[in-house]
Amino acid sequence: GRAGVIDKGYLADLVVVDGNPLDDVKVLRDQSKVVLVLREGAVLKDLLGVKGG
């Protein structure tokens, strides 16, 4: 299948946060720390400018 790969042409679900969830798992619940969300390759939230390239 296409699971487990982050590459062009693959679908991905990703959450990028400003912080390290291994140090503080609460960054995953703090919406102000969530800077990028991809679901099945579609950008749902983008504070990094990914949509613009």
Foldseek 3Di string as FASTA:
>chain_A
DQPPDDDPPGFDWDWQFQDDCVVPVCRVVDPVGTAWTGGRRRTPHHNPCPVVD
